Amino acid sequence: MISDEAPTCLSVVEDDEDVRDRLARLFRKKGFRVVSADNGLQGTVLAAMEEPDILVMDLYMPSVGSLALLRALTGLDWFRHVALVVITGAYPQGHPKLLEARDLGAAVLRKPFKEGCLYAAALEAQEMATCRSGDFSVASDDVAEAIQ
């Protein structure tokens, strides 16, 4: 995890119970506090209540899909800090739904994937969320050094 403070809250929204449980176990072993939902509607409610730091979700789900979930949460102030990872096996590379997920700020990972790749994507998405929210600063010496 990136922070030494309280465990990072990660929300898993996945309709396949086996996948959802496997993902929850993976992130718990890494020290995350994990909450989970089995559909987009429940995921929307859970995200609003828990305000997770990282949201990992399946793109294609019954009820409310991930894109609808992302659209519903996008306007909330706290949501600009949330790292987003969308997983899918339903759509081919370059599909408009994958492109929209990326446009909404999500990292997209196609199934099947290695657990290490998902973990790395979640950490990278968390760093990108920090950049997106503007909660970072760079000393001018660091910028000058990076340019040289």
C-alpha atoms as a PDB file:
ATOM      1  CA  MET A   1       0.000   0.000   0.000  1.00  0.00           C
ATOM      2  CA  ILE A   2       1.102   3.566  -0.575  1.00  0.00           C
ATOM      3  CA  SER A   3       0.226   5.013   2.842  1.00  0.00           C
ATOM      4  CA  ASP A   4       1.478   4.037   6.319  1.00  0.00           C
ATOM      5  CA  GLU A   5      -1.776   5.308   7.848  1.00  0.00           C
ATOM      6  CA  ALA A   6      -5.014   3.336   8.273  1.00  0.00           C
ATOM      7  CA  PRO A   7      -5.502   0.505   5.768  1.00  0.00           C
ATOM      8  CA  THR A   8      -6.542   1.673   2.348  1.00  0.00           C
ATOM      9  CA  CYS A   9     -10.209   0.918   1.683  1.00  0.00           C
ATOM     10  CA  LEU A  10     -10.752  -0.990  -1.531  1.00  0.00           C
ATOM     11  CA  SER A  11     -14.177  -1.775  -2.953  1.00  0.00           C
ATOM     12  CA  VAL A  12     -14.672  -4.792  -5.229  1.00  0.00           C
ATOM     13  CA  VAL A  13     -17.818  -4.718  -7.393  1.00  0.00           C
ATOM     14  CA  GLU A  14     -18.125  -8.011  -9.254  1.00  0.00           C
ATOM     15  CA  ASP A  15     -21.188 -10.153 -10.024  1.00  0.00           C
ATOM     16  CA  ASP A  16     -19.249 -13.442 -10.154  1.00  0.00           C
ATOM     17  CA  GLU A  17     -19.012 -14.598  -6.526  1.00  0.00           C
ATOM     18  CA  ASP A  18     -15.864 -16.701  -7.060  1.00  0.00           C
ATOM     19  CA  VAL A  19     -14.018 -13.824  -8.740  1.00  0.00           C
ATOM     20  CA  ARG A  20     -15.259 -11.331  -6.140  1.00  0.00           C
ATOM     21  CA  ASP A  21     -14.065 -13.554  -3.258  1.00  0.00           C
ATOM     22  CA  ARG A  22     -10.703 -14.194  -4.933  1.00  0.00           C
ATOM     23  CA  LEU A  23     -10.121 -10.462  -5.465  1.00  0.00           C
ATOM     24  CA  ALA A  24     -11.145  -9.648  -1.899  1.00  0.00           C
ATOM     25  CA  ARG A  25      -8.714 -12.276  -0.538  1.00  0.00           C
ATOM     26  CA  LEU A  26      -5.889 -10.961  -2.729  1.00  0.00           C
ATOM     27  CA  PHE A  27      -6.246  -7.394  -1.488  1.00  0.00           C
ATOM     28  CA  ARG A  28      -6.822  -8.387   2.147  1.00  0.00           C
ATOM     29  CA  LYS A  29      -3.542 -10.345   2.057  1.00  0.00           C
ATOM     30  CA  LYS A  30      -1.876  -7.136   0.833  1.00  0.00           C
ATOM     31  CA  GLY A  31      -3.237  -5.232   3.861  1.00  0.00           C
ATOM     32  CA  PHE A  32      -6.241  -3.491   2.335  1.00  0.00           C
ATOM     33  CA  ARG A  33      -9.590  -3.136   4.073  1.00  0.00           C
ATOM     34  CA  VAL A  34     -11.976  -4.649   1.518  1.00  0.00           C
ATOM     35  CA  VAL A  35     -15.699  -4.119   1.039  1.00  0.00           C
ATOM     36  CA  SER A  36     -17.566  -5.792  -1.792  1.00  0.00           C
ATOM     37  CA  ALA A  37     -20.786  -5.703  -3.760  1.00  0.00           C
ATOM     38  CA  ASP A  38     -22.272  -8.080  -6.307  1.00  0.00           C
ATOM     39  CA  ASN A  39     -23.838  -5.543  -8.668  1.00  0.00           C
ATOM     40  CA  GLY A  40     -23.524  -1.938  -9.765  1.00  0.00           C
ATOM     41  CA  LEU A  41     -26.523  -0.667  -7.794  1.00  0.00           C
ATOM     42  CA  GLN A  42     -25.221  -2.164  -4.550  1.00  0.00           C
ATOM     43  CA  GLY A  43     -21.730  -0.944  -5.522  1.00  0.00           C
ATOM     44  CA  THR A  44     -23.000   2.627  -5.930  1.00  0.00           C
ATOM     45  CA  VAL A  45     -24.600   2.604  -2.479  1.00  0.00           C
ATOM     46  CA  LEU A  46     -21.551   0.949  -0.918  1.00  0.00           C
ATOM     47  CA  ALA A  47     -19.143   3.420  -2.536  1.00  0.00           C
ATOM     48  CA  ALA A  48     -21.200   6.387  -1.316  1.00  0.00           C
ATOM     49  CA  MET A  49     -21.216   4.966   2.235  1.00  0.00           C
ATOM     50  CA  GLU A  50     -17.595   3.762   2.414  1.00  0.00           C
ATOM     51  CA  GLU A  51     -15.883   6.301   0.126  1.00  0.00           C
ATOM     52  CA  PRO A  52     -13.196   3.780  -0.898  1.00  0.00           C
ATOM     53  CA  ASP A  53      -9.701   4.803  -1.943  1.00  0.00           C
ATOM     54  CA  ILE A  54      -9.685   2.232  -4.747  1.00  0.00           C
ATOM     55  CA  LEU A  55     -12.633   0.871  -6.728  1.00  0.00           C
ATOM     56  CA  VAL A  56     -12.117  -2.386  -8.651  1.00  0.00           C
ATOM     57  CA  MET A  57     -15.116  -3.396 -10.731  1.00  0.00           C
ATOM     58  CA  ASP A  58     -16.256  -5.679 -13.494  1.00  0.00           C
ATOM     59  CA  LEU A  59     -17.353  -3.724 -16.551  1.00  0.00           C
ATOM     60  CA  TYR A  60     -20.331  -5.907 -17.423  1.00  0.00           C
ATOM     61  CA  MET A  61     -22.777  -6.548 -14.570  1.00  0.00           C
ATOM     62  CA  PRO A  62     -26.518  -6.983 -14.140  1.00  0.00           C
ATOM     63  CA  SER A  63     -28.566  -4.117 -12.719  1.00  0.00           C
ATOM     64  CA  VAL A  64     -26.252  -1.107 -12.930  1.00  0.00           C
ATOM     65  CA  GLY A  65     -23.038  -1.625 -14.926  1.00  0.00           C
ATOM     66  CA  SER A  66     -19.672  -0.115 -14.124  1.00  0.00           C
ATOM     67  CA  LEU A  67     -19.999   2.766 -16.574  1.00  0.00           C
ATOM     68  CA  ALA A  68     -23.293   3.818 -14.984  1.00  0.00           C
ATOM     69  CA  LEU A  69     -21.671   3.469 -11.560  1.00  0.00           C
ATOM     70  CA  LEU A  70     -18.755   5.665 -12.635  1.00  0.00           C
ATOM     71  CA  ARG A  71     -21.079   8.253 -14.163  1.00  0.00           C
ATOM     72  CA  ALA A  72     -23.198   8.341 -10.977  1.00  0.00           C
ATOM     73  CA  LEU A  73     -20.179   8.905  -8.738  1.00  0.00           C
ATOM     74  CA  THR A  74     -18.187  11.272 -10.965  1.00  0.00           C
ATOM     75  CA  GLY A  75     -19.880  14.419  -9.661  1.00  0.00           C
ATOM     76  CA  LEU A  76     -19.149  13.696  -5.997  1.00  0.00           C
ATOM     77  CA  ASP A  77     -16.259  15.699  -4.541  1.00  0.00           C
ATOM     78  CA  TRP A  78     -14.627  12.785  -2.699  1.00  0.00           C
ATOM     79  CA  PHE A  79     -14.751  10.632  -5.836  1.00  0.00           C
ATOM     80  CA  ARG A  80     -12.014  12.590  -7.613  1.00  0.00           C
ATOM     81  CA  HIS A  81      -9.557  10.956  -5.187  1.00  0.00           C
ATOM     82  CA  VAL A  82     -10.702   7.395  -5.967  1.00  0.00           C
ATOM     83  CA  ALA A  83      -8.436   5.101  -7.958  1.00  0.00           C
ATOM     84  CA  LEU A  84     -10.428   3.197 -10.588  1.00  0.00           C
ATOM     85  CA  VAL A  85      -9.712  -0.222 -12.063  1.00  0.00           C
ATOM     86  CA  VAL A  86     -12.172  -1.837 -14.472  1.00  0.00           C
ATOM     87  CA  ILE A  87     -11.816  -5.527 -15.282  1.00  0.00           C
ATOM     88  CA  THR A  88     -13.547  -7.253 -18.174  1.00  0.00           C
ATOM     89  CA  GLY A  89     -13.605 -10.361 -20.260  1.00  0.00           C
ATOM     90  CA  ALA A  90     -16.698  -9.360 -22.204  1.00  0.00           C
ATOM     91  CA  TYR A  91     -15.345  -6.725 -24.578  1.00  0.00           C
ATOM     92  CA  PRO A  92     -12.467  -6.795 -27.083  1.00  0.00           C
ATOM     93  CA  GLN A  93      -9.599  -4.327 -26.957  1.00  0.00           C
ATOM     94  CA  GLY A  94     -10.650  -0.937 -28.364  1.00  0.00           C
ATOM     95  CA  HIS A  95     -14.374  -1.457 -27.689  1.00  0.00           C
ATOM     96  CA  PRO A  96     -16.212   1.858 -27.062  1.00  0.00           C
ATOM     97  CA  LYS A  97     -17.142   0.777 -23.509  1.00  0.00           C
ATOM     98  CA  LEU A  98     -13.466   0.222 -22.681  1.00  0.00           C
ATOM     99  CA  LEU A  99     -12.591   3.594 -24.146  1.00  0.00           C
ATOM    100  CA  GLU A 100     -15.336   5.270 -22.115  1.00  0.00           C
ATOM    101  CA  ALA A 101     -14.064   3.592 -18.937  1.00  0.00           C
ATOM    102  CA  ARG A 102     -10.612   5.019 -19.667  1.00  0.00           C
ATOM    103  CA  ASP A 103     -12.138   8.433 -20.399  1.00  0.00           C
ATOM    104  CA  LEU A 104     -13.789   8.286 -16.977  1.00  0.00           C
ATOM    105  CA  GLY A 105     -10.341   7.778 -15.447  1.00  0.00           C
ATOM    106  CA  ALA A 106     -10.198   3.997 -15.018  1.00  0.00           C
ATOM    107  CA  ALA A 107      -7.338   1.654 -15.682  1.00  0.00           C
ATOM    108  CA  VAL A 108      -8.723  -1.241 -17.752  1.00  0.00           C
ATOM    109  CA  LEU A 109      -7.543  -4.807 -17.329  1.00  0.00           C
ATOM    110  CA  ARG A 110      -8.783  -7.661 -19.517  1.00  0.00           C
ATOM    111  CA  LYS A 111      -9.589 -11.082 -18.048  1.00  0.00           C
ATOM    112  CA  PRO A 112      -7.866 -13.377 -17.536  1.00  0.00           C
ATOM    113  CA  PHE A 113      -5.114 -11.511 -15.734  1.00  0.00           C
ATOM    114  CA  LYS A 114      -2.426 -12.351 -13.225  1.00  0.00           C
ATOM    115  CA  GLU A 115      -3.144 -11.267  -9.672  1.00  0.00           C
ATOM    116  CA  GLY A 116       0.143  -9.363  -9.581  1.00  0.00           C
ATOM    117  CA  CYS A 117      -0.959  -7.349 -12.613  1.00  0.00           C
ATOM    118  CA  LEU A 118      -4.222  -6.404 -10.904  1.00  0.00           C
ATOM    119  CA  TYR A 119      -2.396  -5.383  -7.742  1.00  0.00           C
ATOM    120  CA  ALA A 120       0.047  -3.273  -9.773  1.00  0.00           C
ATOM    121  CA  ALA A 121      -2.833  -1.699 -11.732  1.00  0.00           C
ATOM    122  CA  ALA A 122      -4.582  -0.777  -8.472  1.00  0.00           C
ATOM    123  CA  LEU A 123      -1.466   0.903  -7.088  1.00  0.00           C
ATOM    124  CA  GLU A 124      -0.847   2.720 -10.361  1.00  0.00           C
ATOM    125  CA  ALA A 125      -4.475   3.849 -10.473  1.00  0.00           C
ATOM    126  CA  GLN A 126      -4.105   5.134  -6.912  1.00  0.00           C
ATOM    127  CA  GLU A 127      -1.115   7.245  -7.940  1.00  0.00           C
ATOM    128  CA  MET A 128      -3.006   8.530 -10.998  1.00  0.00           C
ATOM    129  CA  ALA A 129      -5.981   9.490  -8.807  1.00  0.00           C
ATOM    130  CA  THR A 130      -3.630  11.581  -6.689  1.00  0.00           C
ATOM    131  CA  CYS A 131      -2.446  13.383  -9.824  1.00  0.00           C
ATOM    132  CA  ARG A 132      -6.025  13.793 -11.105  1.00  0.00           C
ATOM    133  CA  SER A 133      -7.164  15.333  -7.819  1.00  0.00           C
ATOM    134  CA  GLY A 134      -4.286  17.814  -7.729  1.00  0.00           C
ATOM    135  CA  ASP A 135      -3.210  16.688  -4.236  1.00  0.00           C
ATOM    136  CA  PHE A 136       0.485  16.688  -4.935  1.00  0.00           C
ATOM    137  CA  SER A 137       3.306  19.149  -5.161  1.00  0.00           C
ATOM    138  CA  VAL A 138       6.657  19.056  -6.860  1.00  0.00           C
ATOM    139  CA  ALA A 139       9.569  21.163  -5.706  1.00  0.00           C
ATOM    140  CA  SER A 140      11.033  23.344  -8.448  1.00  0.00           C
ATOM    141  CA  ASP A 141      14.450  21.670  -7.928  1.00  0.00           C
ATOM    142  CA  ASP A 142      12.820  18.301  -8.655  1.00  0.00           C
ATOM    143  CA  VAL A 143      11.328  19.641 -11.877  1.00  0.00           C
ATOM    144  CA  ALA A 144      14.641  21.144 -12.976  1.00  0.00           C
ATOM    145  CA  GLU A 145      16.418  17.857 -12.229  1.00  0.00           C
ATOM    146  CA  ALA A 146      13.810  15.843 -14.142  1.00  0.00           C
ATOM    147  CA  ILE A 147      14.143  18.062 -17.201  1.00  0.00           C
ATOM    148  CA  GLN A 148      17.944  17.760 -17.369  1.00  0.00           C
END
